[in-house]
Amino acid sequence: MDDSKTINKDLILRERLALQRTVLANQSTFLAFLRTAMYFLIAGLSLRNLLKIENSFFTEIVLFSIAFVIFILGIINYFKHKKSILEDQKHIGNYQLEYYQ
């Protein structure tokens, strides 16, 4: 009986650490989306001011639009995966009950 409790404690710890890694990976992915959106935003801003390209208005609009779309996709992706992570966290609930008894 003692071996099964040790196995359950190890399983809980492993599952908990895996969920924490997954949460951190989800946050890191969101920050990557945000960084990429910022690059496109900076590119759009720098066309007129630094490079002084004529008729750059349409190119700026395209770059701003791409930045906005990437940002929105990053938000959607973050919350979709966050919901999935929370659903997966429920699966270790039975092990938690055994651990604390």
Protein backbone atom coordinates (compact mmCIF):
# COMPACT_ATOMS: atom_id res chain seq x y z
CA MET A 1 0.00 0.00 0.00
CA ASP A 2 2.80 2.41 0.76
CA ASP A 3 4.23 1.97 -2.75
CA SER A 4 0.94 3.00 -4.36
CA LYS A 5 0.82 6.21 -2.30
CA THR A 6 4.40 7.00 -3.33
CA ILE A 7 3.53 6.37 -6.96
CA ASN A 8 0.47 8.62 -6.69
CA LYS A 9 2.54 11.41 -5.09
CA ASP A 10 5.13 11.13 -7.87
CA LEU A 11 2.39 11.13 -10.48
CA ILE A 12 0.78 14.23 -8.97
CA LEU A 13 4.10 16.05 -8.88
CA ARG A 14 4.90 15.07 -12.46
CA GLU A 15 1.45 16.15 -13.66
CA ARG A 16 1.63 19.43 -11.73
CA LEU A 17 5.05 20.26 -13.18
CA ALA A 18 3.90 19.36 -16.67
CA LEU A 19 0.93 21.73 -16.32
CA GLN A 20 3.19 24.51 -15.08
CA ARG A 21 5.51 24.03 -18.06
CA THR A 22 2.52 24.10 -20.38
CA VAL A 23 1.24 27.34 -18.83
CA LEU A 24 4.67 28.93 -19.22
CA ALA A 25 4.92 27.74 -22.82
CA ASN A 26 1.50 29.26 -23.54
CA GLN A 27 2.61 32.59 -22.07
CA SER A 28 5.86 32.46 -24.02
CA THR A 29 3.94 31.83 -27.24
CA PHE A 30 1.68 34.80 -26.56
CA LEU A 31 4.72 37.01 -26.01
CA ALA A 32 6.16 35.78 -29.32
CA PHE A 33 2.94 36.79 -31.08
CA LEU A 34 3.10 40.18 -29.35
CA ARG A 35 6.75 40.66 -30.34
CA THR A 36 6.01 39.82 -33.97
CA ALA A 37 3.06 42.22 -34.04
CA MET A 38 5.30 44.94 -32.61
CA TYR A 39 7.88 44.31 -35.35
CA PHE A 40 5.25 44.86 -38.03
CA LEU A 41 3.99 47.97 -36.22
CA ILE A 42 7.52 49.41 -36.01
CA ALA A 43 8.11 48.57 -39.67
CA GLY A 44 4.97 50.47 -40.60
CA LEU A 45 5.97 53.47 -38.51
CA SER A 46 9.53 53.57 -39.82
CA LEU A 47 8.63 53.58 -43.52
CA ARG A 48 7.58 57.22 -43.61
CA ASN A 49 9.79 58.63 -40.86
CA LEU A 50 13.14 56.94 -41.36
CA LEU A 51 13.21 55.74 -44.94
CA LYS A 52 11.12 58.56 -46.43
CA ILE A 53 9.59 56.35 -49.12
CA GLU A 54 7.08 58.19 -51.28
CA ASN A 55 3.54 56.84 -51.43
CA SER A 56 4.21 54.59 -48.47
CA PHE A 57 0.71 55.09 -47.05
CA PHE A 58 -0.68 51.85 -48.49
CA THR A 59 2.35 49.87 -47.36
CA GLU A 60 1.95 51.32 -43.87
CA ILE A 61 -1.72 50.34 -43.80
CA VAL A 62 -0.81 46.80 -44.85
CA LEU A 63 1.87 46.51 -42.16
CA PHE A 64 -0.45 47.95 -39.49
CA SER A 65 -3.18 45.53 -40.56
CA ILE A 66 -0.81 42.58 -40.38
CA ALA A 67 0.32 43.70 -36.90
CA PHE A 68 -3.30 43.94 -35.74
CA VAL A 69 -4.20 40.51 -37.17
CA ILE A 70 -1.17 38.86 -35.56
CA PHE A 71 -2.00 40.49 -32.23
CA ILE A 72 -5.64 39.31 -32.36
CA LEU A 73 -4.56 35.79 -33.39
CA GLY A 74 -2.13 35.74 -30.45
CA ILE A 75 -4.90 36.68 -28.02
CA ILE A 76 -7.26 34.07 -29.46
CA ASN A 77 -4.53 31.41 -29.38
CA TYR A 78 -3.62 32.27 -25.77
CA PHE A 79 -7.16 32.00 -24.42
CA LYS A 80 -7.95 28.88 -26.46
CA HIS A 81 -4.93 27.08 -25.04
CA LYS A 82 -5.55 28.46 -21.55
CA LYS A 83 -9.04 26.93 -21.62
CA SER A 84 -7.57 23.62 -22.79
CA ILE A 85 -4.97 23.69 -20.00
CA LEU A 86 -7.65 24.33 -17.38
CA GLU A 87 -9.69 21.40 -18.72
CA ASP A 88 -6.64 19.14 -18.55
CA GLN A 89 -5.99 20.27 -14.98
CA LYS A 90 -9.32 18.74 -13.96
CA HIS A 91 -8.03 15.29 -14.92
CA ILE A 92 -5.50 15.22 -12.10
CA GLY A 93 -8.20 16.06 -9.55
CA ASN A 94 -8.80 12.40 -8.61
CA TYR A 95 -5.13 11.92 -7.85
CA GLN A 96 -5.16 15.05 -5.68
CA LEU A 97 -7.95 13.62 -3.53
CA GLU A 98 -5.97 10.43 -2.92
CA TYR A 99 -2.83 12.44 -2.16
CA TYR A 100 -4.39 14.52 0.61
CA GLN A 101 -6.17 11.61 2.32
